């Protein structure tokens, strides 16, 4: 039972970290960040913004996102999916 609680707390911390990263990169309020947010919803999410997001995510979560995953990311939910694939609790 402790393991599930710890994993849940870690997942919440990682959610918060991702929300902070997205808000910082795209200059938006953290409350606006949600899984369905996509590139077409955020003016700053252009090609440069996308690379900045990936770079910040890689640095914060100590992962390497493969090129094919980078091109597949269209929403914040996609970012989470890639992080889960890389073993991040989120």
PDB file of N, CA and C in Angstrom:
ATOM      1  N   UNK A   1       0.821  -1.200   0.000  1.00  0.00           N
ATOM      2  CA  UNK A   1       0.000   0.000   0.000  1.00  0.00           C
ATOM      3  C   UNK A   1       0.868   1.269   0.000  1.00  0.00           C
ATOM      4  N   UNK A   2       1.974   1.219   0.736  1.00  0.00           N
ATOM      5  CA  UNK A   2       2.857   2.388   0.778  1.00  0.00           C
ATOM      6  C   UNK A   2       3.393   2.731  -0.606  1.00  0.00           C
ATOM      7  N   UNK A   3       3.697   1.674  -1.374  1.00  0.00           N
ATOM      8  CA  UNK A   3       4.241   1.876  -2.714  1.00  0.00           C
ATOM      9  C   UNK A   3       3.264   2.655  -3.587  1.00  0.00           C
ATOM     10  N   UNK A   4       1.976   2.303  -3.516  1.00  0.00           N
ATOM     11  CA  UNK A   4       0.971   3.010  -4.316  1.00  0.00           C
ATOM     12  C   UNK A   4       0.873   4.470  -3.900  1.00  0.00           C
ATOM     13  N   UNK A   5       0.908   4.723  -2.590  1.00  0.00           N
ATOM     14  CA  UNK A   5       0.818   6.102  -2.098  1.00  0.00           C
ATOM     15  C   UNK A   5       2.029   6.902  -2.554  1.00  0.00           C
ATOM     16  N   UNK A   6       3.222   6.291  -2.427  1.00  0.00           N
ATOM     17  CA  UNK A   6       4.441   6.968  -2.837  1.00  0.00           C
ATOM     18  C   UNK A   6       4.408   7.258  -4.331  1.00  0.00           C
ATOM     19  N   UNK A   7       3.975   6.284  -5.110  1.00  0.00           N
ATOM     20  CA  UNK A   7       3.900   6.452  -6.574  1.00  0.00           C
ATOM     21  C   UNK A   7       2.906   7.558  -6.924  1.00  0.00           C
ATOM     22  N   UNK A   8       1.792   7.603  -6.207  1.00  0.00           N
ATOM     23  CA  UNK A   8       0.785   8.634  -6.446  1.00  0.00           C
ATOM     24  C   UNK A   8       1.330  10.021  -6.119  1.00  0.00           C
ATOM     25  N   UNK A   9       2.059  10.138  -5.014  1.00  0.00           N
ATOM     26  CA  UNK A   9       2.646  11.425  -4.640  1.00  0.00           C
ATOM     27  C   UNK A   9       3.700  11.858  -5.658  1.00  0.00           C
ATOM     28  N   UNK A  10       4.503  10.900  -6.118  1.00  0.00           N
ATOM     29  CA  UNK A  10       5.516  11.198  -7.136  1.00  0.00           C
ATOM     30  C   UNK A  10       4.845  11.642  -8.431  1.00  0.00           C
ATOM     31  N   UNK A  11       3.783  10.956  -8.796  1.00  0.00           N
ATOM     32  CA  UNK A  11       3.038  11.315 -10.003  1.00  0.00           C
ATOM     33  C   UNK A  11       2.491  12.739  -9.900  1.00  0.00           C
ATOM     34  N   UNK A  12       1.956  13.091  -8.735  1.00  0.00           N
ATOM     35  CA  UNK A  12       1.437  14.447  -8.531  1.00  0.00           C
ATOM     36  C   UNK A  12       2.550  15.487  -8.612  1.00  0.00           C
ATOM     37  N   UNK A  13       3.711  15.165  -8.039  1.00  0.00           N
ATOM     38  CA  UNK A  13       4.839  16.101  -8.117  1.00  0.00           C
ATOM     39  C   UNK A  13       5.277  16.288  -9.559  1.00  0.00           C
ATOM     40  N   UNK A  14       5.326  15.198 -10.313  1.00  0.00           N
ATOM     41  CA  UNK A  14       5.727  15.287 -11.716  1.00  0.00           C
ATOM     42  C   UNK A  14       4.688  16.040 -12.541  1.00  0.00           C
ATOM     43  N   UNK A  15       3.397  15.840 -12.237  1.00  0.00           N
ATOM     44  CA  UNK A  15       2.324  16.609 -12.905  1.00  0.00           C
ATOM     45  C   UNK A  15       2.557  18.093 -12.694  1.00  0.00           C
ATOM     46  N   UNK A  16       2.823  18.456 -11.445  1.00  0.00           N
ATOM     47  CA  UNK A  16       3.049  19.867 -11.116  1.00  0.00           C
ATOM     48  C   UNK A  16       4.279  20.405 -11.833  1.00  0.00           C
ATOM     49  N   UNK A  17       5.331  19.605 -11.884  1.00  0.00           N
ATOM     50  CA  UNK A  17       6.555  20.034 -12.581  1.00  0.00           C
ATOM     51  C   UNK A  17       6.276  20.267 -14.061  1.00  0.00           C
ATOM     52  N   UNK A  18       5.549  19.347 -14.682  1.00  0.00           N
ATOM     53  CA  UNK A  18       5.232  19.504 -16.099  1.00  0.00           C
ATOM     54  C   UNK A  18       4.372  20.744 -16.322  1.00  0.00           C
ATOM     55  N   UNK A  19       3.401  20.957 -15.460  1.00  0.00           N
ATOM     56  CA  UNK A  19       2.528  22.135 -15.564  1.00  0.00           C
ATOM     57  C   UNK A  19       3.358  23.413 -15.472  1.00  0.00           C
ATOM     58  N   UNK A  20       4.321  23.437 -14.540  1.00  0.00           N
ATOM     59  CA  UNK A  20       5.196  24.605 -14.392  1.00  0.00           C
ATOM     60  C   UNK A  20       6.043  24.825 -15.647  1.00  0.00           C
ATOM     61  N   UNK A  21       6.569  23.740 -16.193  1.00  0.00           N
ATOM     62  CA  UNK A  21       7.393  23.838 -17.404  1.00  0.00           C
ATOM     63  C   UNK A  21       6.581  24.395 -18.563  1.00  0.00           C
ATOM     64  N   UNK A  22       5.398  23.844 -18.787  1.00  0.00           N
ATOM     65  CA  UNK A  22       4.546  24.292 -19.900  1.00  0.00           C
ATOM     66  C   UNK A  22       4.205  25.772 -19.732  1.00  0.00           C
ATOM     67  N   UNK A  23       3.842  26.160 -18.515  1.00  0.00           N
ATOM     68  CA  UNK A  23       3.481  27.559 -18.257  1.00  0.00           C
ATOM     69  C   UNK A  23       4.668  28.481 -18.511  1.00  0.00           C
ATOM     70  N   UNK A  24       5.844  28.056 -18.088  1.00  0.00           N
ATOM     71  CA  UNK A  24       7.047  28.879 -18.270  1.00  0.00           C
ATOM     72  C   UNK A  24       7.415  29.005 -19.746  1.00  0.00           C
ATOM     73  N   UNK A  25       7.413  27.884 -20.456  1.00  0.00           N
ATOM     74  CA  UNK A  25       7.818  27.892 -21.866  1.00  0.00           C
ATOM     75  C   UNK A  25       6.850  28.703 -22.717  1.00  0.00           C
ATOM     76  N   UNK A  26       5.553  28.545 -22.458  1.00  0.00           N
ATOM     77  CA  UNK A  26       4.554  29.192 -23.317  1.00  0.00           C
ATOM     78  C   UNK A  26       3.986  30.485 -22.736  1.00  0.00           C
ATOM     79  N   UNK A  27       4.557  30.914 -21.617  1.00  0.00           N
ATOM     80  CA  UNK A  27       4.151  32.187 -20.994  1.00  0.00           C
ATOM     81  C   UNK A  27       2.644  32.239 -20.724  1.00  0.00           C
ATOM     82  N   UNK A  28       2.139  31.171 -20.098  1.00  0.00           N
ATOM     83  CA  UNK A  28       0.728  31.108 -19.742  1.00  0.00           C
ATOM     84  C   UNK A  28       0.603  30.779 -18.259  1.00  0.00           C
ATOM     85  N   UNK A  29      -0.585  30.935 -17.726  1.00  0.00           N
ATOM     86  CA  UNK A  29      -0.852  30.611 -16.337  1.00  0.00           C
ATOM     87  C   UNK A  29      -0.938  29.093 -16.183  1.00  0.00           C
ATOM     88  N   UNK A  30      -0.408  28.578 -15.085  1.00  0.00           N
ATOM     89  CA  UNK A  30      -0.443  27.137 -14.841  1.00  0.00           C
ATOM     90  C   UNK A  30      -1.863  26.574 -14.868  1.00  0.00           C
ATOM     91  N   UNK A  31      -2.825  27.394 -14.469  1.00  0.00           N
ATOM     92  CA  UNK A  31      -4.223  26.925 -14.428  1.00  0.00           C
ATOM     93  C   UNK A  31      -4.775  26.646 -15.828  1.00  0.00           C
ATOM     94  N   UNK A  32      -4.122  27.160 -16.858  1.00  0.00           N
ATOM     95  CA  UNK A  32      -4.567  26.950 -18.232  1.00  0.00           C
ATOM     96  C   UNK A  32      -4.069  25.628 -18.821  1.00  0.00           C
ATOM     97  N   UNK A  33      -3.100  25.011 -18.167  1.00  0.00           N
ATOM     98  CA  UNK A  33      -2.474  23.793 -18.690  1.00  0.00           C
ATOM     99  C   UNK A  33      -3.372  22.585 -18.432  1.00  0.00           C
ATOM    100  N   UNK A  34      -3.672  21.837 -19.498  1.00  0.00           N
ATOM    101  CA  UNK A  34      -4.454  20.611 -19.362  1.00  0.00           C
ATOM    102  C   UNK A  34      -4.024  19.626 -20.444  1.00  0.00           C
ATOM    103  N   UNK A  35      -4.436  18.381 -20.278  1.00  0.00           N
ATOM    104  CA  UNK A  35      -3.997  17.317 -21.189  1.00  0.00           C
ATOM    105  C   UNK A  35      -4.403  17.546 -22.638  1.00  0.00           C
ATOM    106  N   UNK A  36      -5.512  18.228 -22.862  1.00  0.00           N
ATOM    107  CA  UNK A  36      -6.004  18.420 -24.231  1.00  0.00           C
ATOM    108  C   UNK A  36      -5.401  19.642 -24.915  1.00  0.00           C
ATOM    109  N   UNK A  37      -4.651  20.443 -24.165  1.00  0.00           N
ATOM    110  CA  UNK A  37      -4.019  21.627 -24.752  1.00  0.00           C
ATOM    111  C   UNK A  37      -3.131  21.185 -25.905  1.00  0.00           C
ATOM    112  N   UNK A  38      -3.315  21.834 -27.048  1.00  0.00           N
ATOM    113  CA  UNK A  38      -2.549  21.436 -28.229  1.00  0.00           C
ATOM    114  C   UNK A  38      -1.806  22.629 -28.823  1.00  0.00           C
ATOM    115  N   UNK A  39      -1.009  22.329 -29.821  1.00  0.00           N
ATOM    116  CA  UNK A  39      -0.235  23.370 -30.492  1.00  0.00           C
ATOM    117  C   UNK A  39      -1.136  24.439 -31.091  1.00  0.00           C
ATOM    118  N   UNK A  40      -2.315  24.063 -31.530  1.00  0.00           N
ATOM    119  CA  UNK A  40      -3.212  25.056 -32.138  1.00  0.00           C
ATOM    120  C   UNK A  40      -3.898  25.941 -31.097  1.00  0.00           C
ATOM    121  N   UNK A  41      -3.822  25.550 -29.811  1.00  0.00           N
ATOM    122  CA  UNK A  41      -4.439  26.335 -28.744  1.00  0.00           C
ATOM    123  C   UNK A  41      -3.519  27.405 -28.172  1.00  0.00           C
ATOM    124  N   UNK A  42      -2.231  27.283 -28.417  1.00  0.00           N
ATOM    125  CA  UNK A  42      -1.246  28.161 -27.785  1.00  0.00           C
ATOM    126  C   UNK A  42      -0.389  28.822 -28.857  1.00  0.00           C
ATOM    127  N   UNK A  43      -0.504  30.116 -28.965  1.00  0.00           N
ATOM    128  CA  UNK A  43       0.220  30.858 -30.007  1.00  0.00           C
ATOM    129  C   UNK A  43       1.728  30.638 -29.930  1.00  0.00           C
ATOM    130  N   UNK A  44       2.266  30.567 -28.698  1.00  0.00           N
ATOM    131  CA  UNK A  44       3.707  30.412 -28.516  1.00  0.00           C
ATOM    132  C   UNK A  44       4.206  29.000 -28.824  1.00  0.00           C
ATOM    133  N   UNK A  45       3.272  28.057 -29.051  1.00  0.00           N
ATOM    134  CA  UNK A  45       3.681  26.672 -29.313  1.00  0.00           C
ATOM    135  C   UNK A  45       3.954  26.506 -30.803  1.00  0.00           C
ATOM    136  N   UNK A  46       4.979  27.210 -31.254  1.00  0.00           N
ATOM    137  CA  UNK A  46       5.441  27.072 -32.634  1.00  0.00           C
ATOM    138  C   UNK A  46       6.607  26.086 -32.626  1.00  0.00           C
ATOM    139  N   UNK A  47       7.339  25.985 -33.709  1.00  0.00           N
ATOM    140  CA  UNK A  47       8.419  25.001 -33.778  1.00  0.00           C
ATOM    141  C   UNK A  47       9.495  25.270 -32.730  1.00  0.00           C
ATOM    142  N   UNK A  48       9.824  26.529 -32.511  1.00  0.00           N
ATOM    143  CA  UNK A  48      10.829  26.869 -31.504  1.00  0.00           C
ATOM    144  C   UNK A  48      10.303  26.573 -30.105  1.00  0.00           C
ATOM    145  N   UNK A  49       9.064  26.918 -29.855  1.00  0.00           N
ATOM    146  CA  UNK A  49       8.440  26.623 -28.567  1.00  0.00           C
ATOM    147  C   UNK A  49       8.393  25.131 -28.299  1.00  0.00           C
ATOM    148  N   UNK A  50       8.134  24.359 -29.338  1.00  0.00           N
ATOM    149  CA  UNK A  50       8.082  22.902 -29.211  1.00  0.00           C
ATOM    150  C   UNK A  50       9.447  22.358 -28.778  1.00  0.00           C
ATOM    151  N   UNK A  51      10.504  22.840 -29.412  1.00  0.00           N
ATOM    152  CA  UNK A  51      11.847  22.394 -29.049  1.00  0.00           C
ATOM    153  C   UNK A  51      12.232  22.845 -27.643  1.00  0.00           C
ATOM    154  N   UNK A  52      11.811  24.036 -27.262  1.00  0.00           N
ATOM    155  CA  UNK A  52      12.075  24.518 -25.906  1.00  0.00           C
ATOM    156  C   UNK A  52      11.349  23.635 -24.885  1.00  0.00           C
ATOM    157  N   UNK A  53      10.103  23.278 -25.194  1.00  0.00           N
ATOM    158  CA  UNK A  53       9.332  22.405 -24.304  1.00  0.00           C
ATOM    159  C   UNK A  53      10.049  21.072 -24.127  1.00  0.00           C
ATOM    160  N   UNK A  54      10.447  20.456 -25.226  1.00  0.00           N
ATOM    161  CA  UNK A  54      11.129  19.163 -25.173  1.00  0.00           C
ATOM    162  C   UNK A  54      12.421  19.278 -24.373  1.00  0.00           C
ATOM    163  N   UNK A  55      13.187  20.310 -24.612  1.00  0.00           N
ATOM    164  CA  UNK A  55      14.451  20.512 -23.906  1.00  0.00           C
ATOM    165  C   UNK A  55      14.230  20.648 -22.400  1.00  0.00           C
ATOM    166  N   UNK A  56      13.244  21.423 -22.019  1.00  0.00           N
ATOM    167  CA  UNK A  56      12.934  21.618 -20.595  1.00  0.00           C
ATOM    168  C   UNK A  56      12.451  20.313 -19.962  1.00  0.00           C
ATOM    169  N   UNK A  57      11.631  19.561 -20.671  1.00  0.00           N
ATOM    170  CA  UNK A  57      11.118  18.283 -20.176  1.00  0.00           C
ATOM    171  C   UNK A  57      12.273  17.294 -20.002  1.00  0.00           C
ATOM    172  N   UNK A  58      13.138  17.219 -20.998  1.00  0.00           N
ATOM    173  CA  UNK A  58      14.282  16.308 -20.912  1.00  0.00           C
ATOM    174  C   UNK A  58      15.158  16.643 -19.706  1.00  0.00           C
ATOM    175  N   UNK A  59      15.399  17.909 -19.511  1.00  0.00           N
ATOM    176  CA  UNK A  59      16.248  18.349 -18.407  1.00  0.00           C
ATOM    177  C   UNK A  59      15.589  18.076 -17.052  1.00  0.00           C
ATOM    178  N   UNK A  60      14.338  18.426 -16.909  1.00  0.00           N
ATOM    179  CA  UNK A  60      13.640  18.283 -15.629  1.00  0.00           C
ATOM    180  C   UNK A  60      13.450  16.826 -15.228  1.00  0.00           C
ATOM    181  N   UNK A  61      13.151  15.973 -16.202  1.00  0.00           N
ATOM    182  CA  UNK A  61      12.845  14.576 -15.898  1.00  0.00           C
ATOM    183  C   UNK A  61      14.009  13.627 -16.195  1.00  0.00           C
ATOM    184  N   UNK A  62      15.151  14.212 -16.623  1.00  0.00           N
ATOM    185  CA  UNK A  62      16.363  13.441 -16.902  1.00  0.00           C
ATOM    186  C   UNK A  62      16.094  12.279 -17.853  1.00  0.00           C
ATOM    187  N   UNK A  63      15.472  12.625 -18.984  1.00  0.00           N
ATOM    188  CA  UNK A  63      15.159  11.644 -20.025  1.00  0.00           C
ATOM    189  C   UNK A  63      15.641  12.169 -21.365  1.00  0.00           C
ATOM    190  N   UNK A  64      15.657  11.289 -22.360  1.00  0.00           N
ATOM    191  CA  UNK A  64      15.949  11.673 -23.731  1.00  0.00           C
ATOM    192  C   UNK A  64      14.743  11.290 -24.577  1.00  0.00           C
ATOM    193  N   UNK A  65      14.146  12.277 -25.230  1.00  0.00           N
ATOM    194  CA  UNK A  65      12.976  12.037 -26.075  1.00  0.00           C
ATOM    195  C   UNK A  65      13.459  11.806 -27.507  1.00  0.00           C
ATOM    196  N   UNK A  66      13.112  10.655 -28.050  1.00  0.00           N
ATOM    197  CA  UNK A  66      13.523  10.291 -29.411  1.00  0.00           C
ATOM    198  C   UNK A  66      12.852  11.199 -30.436  1.00  0.00           C
ATOM    199  N   UNK A  67      13.521  11.371 -31.569  1.00  0.00           N
ATOM    200  CA  UNK A  67      13.003  12.233 -32.632  1.00  0.00           C
ATOM    201  C   UNK A  67      11.580  11.861 -33.041  1.00  0.00           C
ATOM    202  N   UNK A  68      11.307  10.558 -33.184  1.00  0.00           N
ATOM    203  CA  UNK A  68       9.964  10.149 -33.606  1.00  0.00           C
ATOM    204  C   UNK A  68       8.903  10.522 -32.568  1.00  0.00           C
ATOM    205  N   UNK A  69       9.278  10.505 -31.278  1.00  0.00           N
ATOM    206  CA  UNK A  69       8.329  10.932 -30.248  1.00  0.00           C
ATOM    207  C   UNK A  69       8.143  12.444 -30.272  1.00  0.00           C
ATOM    208  N   UNK A  70       9.228  13.159 -30.529  1.00  0.00           N
ATOM    209  CA  UNK A  70       9.135  14.628 -30.595  1.00  0.00           C
ATOM    210  C   UNK A  70       8.132  15.043 -31.663  1.00  0.00           C
ATOM    211  N   UNK A  71       8.171  14.394 -32.805  1.00  0.00           N
ATOM    212  CA  UNK A  71       7.264  14.770 -33.900  1.00  0.00           C
ATOM    213  C   UNK A  71       5.833  14.307 -33.655  1.00  0.00           C
ATOM    214  N   UNK A  72       5.642  13.322 -32.803  1.00  0.00           N
ATOM    215  CA  UNK A  72       4.293  12.826 -32.504  1.00  0.00           C
ATOM    216  C   UNK A  72       3.566  13.667 -31.453  1.00  0.00           C
ATOM    217  N   UNK A  73       4.306  14.443 -30.687  1.00  0.00           N
ATOM    218  CA  UNK A  73       3.694  15.227 -29.608  1.00  0.00           C
ATOM    219  C   UNK A  73       2.886  16.376 -30.190  1.00  0.00           C
ATOM    220  N   UNK A  74       1.596  16.325 -29.933  1.00  0.00           N
ATOM    221  CA  UNK A  74       0.685  17.378 -30.399  1.00  0.00           C
ATOM    222  C   UNK A  74      -0.077  18.031 -29.248  1.00  0.00           C
ATOM    223  N   UNK A  75      -0.144  17.327 -28.104  1.00  0.00           N
ATOM    224  CA  UNK A  75      -0.876  17.823 -26.933  1.00  0.00           C
ATOM    225  C   UNK A  75      -0.038  17.594 -25.673  1.00  0.00           C
ATOM    226  N   UNK A  76      -0.461  18.192 -24.586  1.00  0.00           N
ATOM    227  CA  UNK A  76       0.193  17.950 -23.301  1.00  0.00           C
ATOM    228  C   UNK A  76      -0.011  16.494 -22.896  1.00  0.00           C
ATOM    229  N   UNK A  77      -1.157  15.941 -23.223  1.00  0.00           N
ATOM    230  CA  UNK A  77      -1.398  14.522 -22.970  1.00  0.00           C
ATOM    231  C   UNK A  77      -0.373  13.647 -23.678  1.00  0.00           C
ATOM    232  N   UNK A  78       0.020  14.050 -24.886  1.00  0.00           N
ATOM    233  CA  UNK A  78       1.055  13.315 -25.627  1.00  0.00           C
ATOM    234  C   UNK A  78       2.405  13.384 -24.899  1.00  0.00           C
ATOM    235  N   UNK A  79       2.703  14.544 -24.322  1.00  0.00           N
ATOM    236  CA  UNK A  79       3.951  14.686 -23.568  1.00  0.00           C
ATOM    237  C   UNK A  79       3.943  13.690 -22.411  1.00  0.00           C
ATOM    238  N   UNK A  80       2.814  13.615 -21.708  1.00  0.00           N
ATOM    239  CA  UNK A  80       2.703  12.683 -20.586  1.00  0.00           C
ATOM    240  C   UNK A  80       2.845  11.239 -21.051  1.00  0.00           C
ATOM    241  N   UNK A  81       2.259  10.917 -22.184  1.00  0.00           N
ATOM    242  CA  UNK A  81       2.348   9.565 -22.721  1.00  0.00           C
ATOM    243  C   UNK A  81       3.816   9.194 -22.986  1.00  0.00           C
ATOM    244  N   UNK A  82       4.561  10.117 -23.577  1.00  0.00           N
ATOM    245  CA  UNK A  82       5.974   9.873 -23.865  1.00  0.00           C
ATOM    246  C   UNK A  82       6.755   9.722 -22.556  1.00  0.00           C
ATOM    247  N   UNK A  83       6.459  10.563 -21.581  1.00  0.00           N
ATOM    248  CA  UNK A  83       7.154  10.460 -20.299  1.00  0.00           C
ATOM    249  C   UNK A  83       6.881   9.108 -19.634  1.00  0.00           C
ATOM    250  N   UNK A  84       5.633   8.663 -19.691  1.00  0.00           N
ATOM    251  CA  UNK A  84       5.302   7.345 -19.120  1.00  0.00           C
ATOM    252  C   UNK A  84       6.085   6.245 -19.838  1.00  0.00           C
ATOM    253  N   UNK A  85       6.162   6.360 -21.151  1.00  0.00           N
ATOM    254  CA  UNK A  85       6.907   5.383 -21.959  1.00  0.00           C
ATOM    255  C   UNK A  85       8.374   5.336 -21.533  1.00  0.00           C
ATOM    256  N   UNK A  86       8.890   6.478 -21.085  1.00  0.00           N
ATOM    257  CA  UNK A  86      10.286   6.581 -20.643  1.00  0.00           C
ATOM    258  C   UNK A  86      10.462   6.252 -19.152  1.00  0.00           C
ATOM    259  N   UNK A  87       9.370   5.813 -18.521  1.00  0.00           N
ATOM    260  CA  UNK A  87       9.460   5.372 -17.124  1.00  0.00           C
ATOM    261  C   UNK A  87       9.193   6.421 -16.075  1.00  0.00           C
ATOM    262  N   UNK A  88       8.686   7.583 -16.489  1.00  0.00           N
ATOM    263  CA  UNK A  88       8.382   8.652 -15.539  1.00  0.00           C
ATOM    264  C   UNK A  88       6.975   8.454 -14.995  1.00  0.00           C
ATOM    265  N   UNK A  89       6.840   8.517 -13.678  1.00  0.00           N
ATOM    266  CA  UNK A  89       5.518   8.411 -13.049  1.00  0.00           C
ATOM    267  C   UNK A  89       4.806   9.747 -13.214  1.00  0.00           C
ATOM    268  N   UNK A  90       3.806   9.749 -14.068  1.00  0.00           N
ATOM    269  CA  UNK A  90       3.040  10.978 -14.310  1.00  0.00           C
ATOM    270  C   UNK A  90       1.644  10.623 -14.758  1.00  0.00           C
TER     271      UNK A  90
END
